[in-house]
N, C-alpha and C. Protein backbone atom coordinates (compact mmCIF):
# COMPACT_ATOMS: atom_id res chain seq x y z
N MET A 1 -9.78 4.07 8.05
CA MET A 1 -9.64 2.70 7.62
C MET A 1 -9.01 1.92 8.77
N GLU A 2 -9.61 0.81 9.12
CA GLU A 2 -9.08 -0.01 10.20
C GLU A 2 -8.23 -1.14 9.65
N LEU A 3 -7.04 -1.30 10.24
CA LEU A 3 -6.14 -2.38 9.85
C LEU A 3 -5.76 -3.18 11.08
N THR A 4 -5.62 -4.50 10.89
CA THR A 4 -5.16 -5.37 11.97
C THR A 4 -3.64 -5.22 12.12
N ASN A 5 -3.10 -5.76 13.20
CA ASN A 5 -1.64 -5.75 13.39
C ASN A 5 -0.93 -6.41 12.21
N ASP A 6 -1.44 -7.56 11.77
CA ASP A 6 -0.82 -8.29 10.65
C ASP A 6 -0.86 -7.47 9.37
N GLU A 7 -2.01 -6.85 9.08
CA GLU A 7 -2.13 -6.04 7.87
C GLU A 7 -1.18 -4.85 7.92
N LEU A 8 -1.14 -4.21 9.06
CA LEU A 8 -0.28 -3.04 9.23
C LEU A 8 1.18 -3.42 9.08
N ALA A 9 1.60 -4.51 9.73
CA ALA A 9 2.99 -4.96 9.64
C ALA A 9 3.36 -5.29 8.19
N MET A 10 2.46 -5.97 7.49
CA MET A 10 2.72 -6.36 6.10
C MET A 10 2.82 -5.12 5.21
N LEU A 11 1.94 -4.16 5.43
CA LEU A 11 1.94 -2.93 4.64
C LEU A 11 3.23 -2.13 4.89
N ILE A 12 3.62 -2.00 6.15
CA ILE A 12 4.85 -1.27 6.50
C ILE A 12 6.05 -1.95 5.83
N LEU A 13 6.12 -3.26 5.96
CA LEU A 13 7.25 -4.01 5.40
C LEU A 13 7.36 -3.80 3.89
N HIS A 14 6.26 -3.99 3.18
CA HIS A 14 6.32 -3.94 1.72
C HIS A 14 6.44 -2.52 1.17
N MET A 15 5.82 -1.55 1.84
CA MET A 15 6.00 -0.16 1.40
C MET A 15 7.43 0.28 1.65
N SER A 16 8.04 -0.18 2.75
CA SER A 16 9.43 0.16 3.04
C SER A 16 10.38 -0.48 2.04
N ILE A 17 10.16 -1.76 1.76
CA ILE A 17 11.00 -2.49 0.81
C ILE A 17 10.94 -1.83 -0.57
N MET A 18 9.77 -1.41 -0.98
CA MET A 18 9.55 -0.90 -2.34
C MET A 18 9.81 0.59 -2.49
N ARG A 19 10.15 1.29 -1.41
CA ARG A 19 10.28 2.75 -1.47
C ARG A 19 11.25 3.21 -2.57
N LYS A 20 12.42 2.59 -2.63
CA LYS A 20 13.43 3.00 -3.61
C LYS A 20 12.92 2.78 -5.04
N GLU A 21 12.28 1.64 -5.29
CA GLU A 21 11.73 1.35 -6.62
C GLU A 21 10.61 2.32 -6.99
N ILE A 22 9.77 2.63 -6.02
CA ILE A 22 8.67 3.58 -6.25
C ILE A 22 9.24 4.94 -6.62
N LYS A 23 10.27 5.35 -5.90
CA LYS A 23 10.90 6.65 -6.16
C LYS A 23 11.44 6.71 -7.60
N LYS A 24 12.11 5.64 -8.03
CA LYS A 24 12.64 5.58 -9.40
C LYS A 24 11.50 5.63 -10.43
N ALA A 25 10.45 4.87 -10.18
CA ALA A 25 9.32 4.83 -11.11
C ALA A 25 8.63 6.19 -11.20
N LEU A 26 8.46 6.85 -10.08
CA LEU A 26 7.83 8.17 -10.09
C LEU A 26 8.66 9.17 -10.87
N LYS A 27 9.98 9.16 -10.67
CA LYS A 27 10.86 10.07 -11.42
C LYS A 27 10.77 9.80 -12.92
N ARG A 28 10.74 8.52 -13.26
CA ARG A 28 10.68 8.11 -14.67
C ARG A 28 9.35 8.55 -15.31
N ASN A 29 8.27 8.46 -14.54
CA ASN A 29 6.94 8.72 -15.10
C ASN A 29 6.46 10.16 -14.97
N TYR A 30 7.00 10.91 -14.01
CA TYR A 30 6.42 12.23 -13.75
C TYR A 30 7.39 13.40 -13.85
N GLY A 31 8.67 13.18 -13.86
CA GLY A 31 9.59 14.30 -13.80
C GLY A 31 9.86 14.68 -12.36
N PHE A 32 10.89 15.46 -12.15
CA PHE A 32 11.42 15.70 -10.81
C PHE A 32 10.40 16.28 -9.82
N PHE A 33 9.78 17.41 -10.14
CA PHE A 33 8.93 18.10 -9.15
C PHE A 33 7.66 17.33 -8.82
N GLU A 34 6.99 16.81 -9.83
CA GLU A 34 5.78 16.03 -9.59
C GLU A 34 6.12 14.74 -8.84
N ALA A 35 7.23 14.12 -9.21
CA ALA A 35 7.68 12.89 -8.53
C ALA A 35 7.97 13.17 -7.06
N LYS A 36 8.59 14.32 -6.80
CA LYS A 36 8.90 14.69 -5.41
C LYS A 36 7.62 14.86 -4.59
N LYS A 37 6.61 15.50 -5.19
CA LYS A 37 5.32 15.67 -4.50
C LYS A 37 4.67 14.32 -4.21
N LYS A 38 4.69 13.44 -5.20
CA LYS A 38 4.08 12.13 -5.04
C LYS A 38 4.85 11.29 -4.01
N MET A 39 6.17 11.43 -4.01
CA MET A 39 6.99 10.69 -3.03
C MET A 39 6.70 11.19 -1.62
N ASN A 40 6.43 12.48 -1.47
CA ASN A 40 6.06 13.02 -0.17
C ASN A 40 4.75 12.41 0.33
N VAL A 41 3.82 12.17 -0.59
CA VAL A 41 2.55 11.52 -0.23
C VAL A 41 2.82 10.08 0.22
N TYR A 42 3.65 9.37 -0.54
CA TYR A 42 4.02 7.99 -0.20
C TYR A 42 4.65 7.95 1.20
N ASP A 43 5.57 8.87 1.45
CA ASP A 43 6.24 8.93 2.75
C ASP A 43 5.28 9.32 3.88
N SER A 44 4.31 10.17 3.58
CA SER A 44 3.35 10.55 4.63
C SER A 44 2.50 9.34 5.04
N ILE A 45 2.21 8.45 4.09
CA ILE A 45 1.48 7.21 4.42
C ILE A 45 2.37 6.36 5.34
N LEU A 46 3.63 6.19 4.95
CA LEU A 46 4.56 5.40 5.76
C LEU A 46 4.68 5.98 7.17
N ASP A 47 4.77 7.31 7.27
CA ASP A 47 4.85 7.95 8.59
C ASP A 47 3.62 7.62 9.44
N LYS A 48 2.45 7.71 8.82
CA LYS A 48 1.22 7.46 9.56
C LYS A 48 1.12 6.00 10.02
N ILE A 49 1.46 5.08 9.14
CA ILE A 49 1.28 3.67 9.51
C ILE A 49 2.37 3.14 10.43
N THR A 50 3.50 3.83 10.51
CA THR A 50 4.55 3.36 11.42
C THR A 50 4.42 3.97 12.81
N SER A 51 3.47 4.85 13.01
CA SER A 51 3.33 5.49 14.32
C SER A 51 2.15 4.91 15.10
N PHE A 52 1.89 3.62 14.94
CA PHE A 52 0.77 3.00 15.63
C PHE A 52 1.18 2.44 16.99
N ASN A 53 0.21 2.17 17.83
CA ASN A 53 0.43 1.61 19.16
C ASN A 53 0.30 0.09 19.06
N GLU A 54 1.37 -0.62 19.34
CA GLU A 54 1.38 -2.08 19.17
C GLU A 54 0.45 -2.80 20.14
N LYS A 55 0.02 -2.15 21.19
CA LYS A 55 -0.83 -2.81 22.17
C LYS A 55 -2.26 -3.02 21.64
N LYS A 56 -2.62 -2.25 20.65
CA LYS A 56 -3.96 -2.38 20.08
C LYS A 56 -3.96 -3.49 19.04
N THR A 57 -5.14 -4.08 18.81
CA THR A 57 -5.24 -5.11 17.77
C THR A 57 -5.79 -4.54 16.48
N LEU A 58 -6.53 -3.45 16.57
CA LEU A 58 -7.04 -2.76 15.39
C LEU A 58 -6.53 -1.32 15.41
N HIS A 59 -6.15 -0.84 14.25
CA HIS A 59 -5.59 0.51 14.16
C HIS A 59 -6.40 1.31 13.15
N ASP A 60 -6.88 2.46 13.59
CA ASP A 60 -7.64 3.33 12.71
C ASP A 60 -6.68 4.29 12.02
N ILE A 61 -6.50 4.10 10.73
CA ILE A 61 -5.56 4.91 9.97
C ILE A 61 -6.35 5.94 9.17
N ALA A 62 -6.09 7.21 9.44
CA ALA A 62 -6.79 8.28 8.73
C ALA A 62 -5.93 8.76 7.57
N LEU A 63 -6.42 8.55 6.36
CA LEU A 63 -5.69 8.98 5.16
C LEU A 63 -6.53 9.98 4.38
N ASP A 64 -5.89 11.02 3.83
CA ASP A 64 -6.63 11.96 3.00
C ASP A 64 -6.79 11.38 1.59
N ASP A 65 -7.49 12.09 0.72
CA ASP A 65 -7.79 11.58 -0.62
C ASP A 65 -6.53 11.26 -1.42
N GLU A 66 -5.54 12.14 -1.32
CA GLU A 66 -4.29 11.96 -2.05
C GLU A 66 -3.55 10.71 -1.56
N GLU A 67 -3.55 10.51 -0.25
CA GLU A 67 -2.89 9.34 0.33
C GLU A 67 -3.64 8.06 -0.04
N LEU A 68 -4.96 8.11 0.02
CA LEU A 68 -5.75 6.94 -0.38
C LEU A 68 -5.48 6.57 -1.83
N SER A 69 -5.42 7.57 -2.68
CA SER A 69 -5.16 7.35 -4.10
C SER A 69 -3.78 6.74 -4.31
N MET A 70 -2.78 7.25 -3.61
CA MET A 70 -1.41 6.71 -3.71
C MET A 70 -1.36 5.28 -3.20
N LEU A 71 -2.00 5.02 -2.07
CA LEU A 71 -2.00 3.67 -1.50
C LEU A 71 -2.70 2.70 -2.44
N HIS A 72 -3.79 3.15 -3.06
CA HIS A 72 -4.52 2.33 -4.02
C HIS A 72 -3.62 1.99 -5.21
N ALA A 73 -2.93 3.00 -5.74
CA ALA A 73 -2.05 2.78 -6.89
C ALA A 73 -0.94 1.79 -6.53
N PHE A 74 -0.35 1.98 -5.35
CA PHE A 74 0.73 1.09 -4.91
C PHE A 74 0.23 -0.35 -4.78
N LEU A 75 -0.86 -0.52 -4.03
CA LEU A 75 -1.35 -1.89 -3.77
C LEU A 75 -1.86 -2.56 -5.04
N SER A 76 -2.51 -1.80 -5.91
CA SER A 76 -3.02 -2.37 -7.17
C SER A 76 -1.87 -2.94 -8.00
N SER A 77 -0.84 -2.14 -8.19
CA SER A 77 0.28 -2.61 -9.03
C SER A 77 1.10 -3.67 -8.32
N TYR A 78 1.25 -3.55 -7.01
CA TYR A 78 2.07 -4.50 -6.26
C TYR A 78 1.42 -5.88 -6.20
N THR A 79 0.11 -5.94 -5.99
CA THR A 79 -0.57 -7.24 -5.94
C THR A 79 -0.54 -7.91 -7.31
N VAL A 80 -0.64 -7.13 -8.38
CA VAL A 80 -0.53 -7.68 -9.74
C VAL A 80 0.87 -8.27 -9.93
N GLU A 81 1.88 -7.57 -9.43
CA GLU A 81 3.26 -8.06 -9.54
C GLU A 81 3.46 -9.35 -8.75
N ILE A 82 2.86 -9.43 -7.57
CA ILE A 82 2.94 -10.67 -6.77
C ILE A 82 2.30 -11.82 -7.54
N GLU A 83 1.15 -11.56 -8.15
CA GLU A 83 0.47 -12.59 -8.95
C GLU A 83 1.36 -13.04 -10.11
N ARG A 84 1.96 -12.09 -10.79
CA ARG A 84 2.83 -12.38 -11.94
C ARG A 84 4.01 -13.26 -11.51
N GLN A 85 4.62 -12.90 -10.39
CA GLN A 85 5.75 -13.68 -9.88
C GLN A 85 5.32 -15.10 -9.49
N ALA A 86 4.16 -15.20 -8.88
CA ALA A 86 3.65 -16.52 -8.47
C ALA A 86 3.42 -17.40 -9.69
N GLN A 87 2.85 -16.82 -10.75
CA GLN A 87 2.61 -17.59 -11.98
C GLN A 87 3.92 -18.05 -12.59
N LYS A 88 4.93 -17.17 -12.60
CA LYS A 88 6.25 -17.53 -13.12
C LYS A 88 6.82 -18.73 -12.40
N GLU A 89 6.60 -18.77 -11.09
CA GLU A 89 7.16 -19.84 -10.26
C GLU A 89 6.18 -20.99 -10.06
N ASN A 90 5.10 -20.99 -10.85
CA ASN A 90 4.07 -22.02 -10.76
C ASN A 90 3.54 -22.20 -9.34
N MET A 91 3.36 -21.09 -8.65
CA MET A 91 2.80 -21.12 -7.29
C MET A 91 1.36 -20.62 -7.34
N ASN A 92 0.55 -21.12 -6.43
CA ASN A 92 -0.82 -20.65 -6.32
C ASN A 92 -0.82 -19.42 -5.42
N VAL A 93 -1.14 -18.29 -6.00
CA VAL A 93 -1.10 -17.01 -5.27
C VAL A 93 -2.10 -17.01 -4.11
N GLU A 94 -3.13 -17.82 -4.20
CA GLU A 94 -4.13 -17.88 -3.12
C GLU A 94 -3.53 -18.44 -1.83
N ASN A 95 -2.41 -19.17 -1.93
CA ASN A 95 -1.76 -19.72 -0.75
C ASN A 95 -0.79 -18.73 -0.11
N SER A 96 -0.60 -17.57 -0.72
CA SER A 96 0.35 -16.59 -0.23
C SER A 96 -0.30 -15.68 0.81
N GLU A 97 0.24 -15.72 2.03
CA GLU A 97 -0.29 -14.85 3.09
C GLU A 97 -0.06 -13.38 2.73
N VAL A 98 1.10 -13.10 2.13
CA VAL A 98 1.42 -11.73 1.70
C VAL A 98 0.34 -11.23 0.74
N PHE A 99 0.05 -12.03 -0.28
CA PHE A 99 -0.95 -11.64 -1.27
C PHE A 99 -2.32 -11.46 -0.62
N GLN A 100 -2.70 -12.39 0.25
CA GLN A 100 -4.01 -12.31 0.91
C GLN A 100 -4.14 -11.03 1.74
N LEU A 101 -3.14 -10.74 2.55
CA LEU A 101 -3.21 -9.54 3.41
C LEU A 101 -3.22 -8.26 2.59
N LEU A 102 -2.32 -8.17 1.60
CA LEU A 102 -2.26 -6.94 0.79
C LEU A 102 -3.53 -6.77 -0.05
N SER A 103 -4.09 -7.86 -0.55
CA SER A 103 -5.35 -7.79 -1.30
C SER A 103 -6.49 -7.32 -0.40
N HIS A 104 -6.48 -7.80 0.83
CA HIS A 104 -7.52 -7.40 1.79
C HIS A 104 -7.41 -5.91 2.10
N ILE A 105 -6.19 -5.41 2.26
CA ILE A 105 -5.99 -3.97 2.49
C ILE A 105 -6.46 -3.19 1.26
N LEU A 106 -6.14 -3.70 0.07
CA LEU A 106 -6.57 -3.04 -1.17
C LEU A 106 -8.08 -2.92 -1.21
N SER A 107 -8.79 -3.97 -0.83
CA SER A 107 -10.26 -3.89 -0.85
C SER A 107 -10.78 -2.89 0.18
N LYS A 108 -10.08 -2.75 1.31
CA LYS A 108 -10.47 -1.74 2.30
C LYS A 108 -10.25 -0.33 1.74
N VAL A 109 -9.13 -0.14 1.04
CA VAL A 109 -8.83 1.17 0.44
C VAL A 109 -9.91 1.50 -0.60
N GLU A 110 -10.27 0.51 -1.43
CA GLU A 110 -11.31 0.74 -2.43
C GLU A 110 -12.63 1.08 -1.77
N GLY A 111 -12.94 0.43 -0.66
CA GLY A 111 -14.15 0.74 0.09
C GLY A 111 -14.14 2.16 0.62
N MET A 112 -12.97 2.62 1.09
CA MET A 112 -12.83 3.99 1.58
C MET A 112 -13.03 5.00 0.44
N GLN A 113 -12.46 4.68 -0.72
CA GLN A 113 -12.59 5.60 -1.87
C GLN A 113 -14.05 5.71 -2.29
N ILE A 114 -14.75 4.59 -2.31
CA ILE A 114 -16.18 4.60 -2.69
C ILE A 114 -16.97 5.40 -1.66
N ALA A 115 -16.68 5.19 -0.37
CA ALA A 115 -17.40 5.90 0.69
C ALA A 115 -17.18 7.40 0.59
N LYS A 116 -15.98 7.83 0.21
CA LYS A 116 -15.69 9.26 0.10
C LYS A 116 -16.38 9.90 -1.10
N MET A 117 -16.73 9.07 -2.09
CA MET A 117 -17.42 9.61 -3.28
C MET A 117 -18.87 9.92 -2.99
N HIS A 118 -19.43 9.25 -2.00
CA HIS A 118 -20.87 9.44 -1.71
C HIS A 118 -21.12 10.47 -0.66
């Protein structure tokens, strides 16, 4: 999956910010051992996306099926939350650069998942 510098920076920022909340949610929903496995997948995505070369404008990020699935789950729920917050504050989510970039990454992830199915 190819990501631009802006997409990569936005993904790193928001996955880092949300790490603690994701960890709590996983423990709540899966129990200790399964949550720990899923958190390892989340962290492996963060490791991969933070080890890019800033000199490039496009970055080819190789994710396995488990990582793609985790990234899809994160982005799906996170973009819905951004929309919900925007509605609460009477803001147009379409004007949000954060929402636009994360939604674009989500569509790339969905494209990768579809490609892997065929």
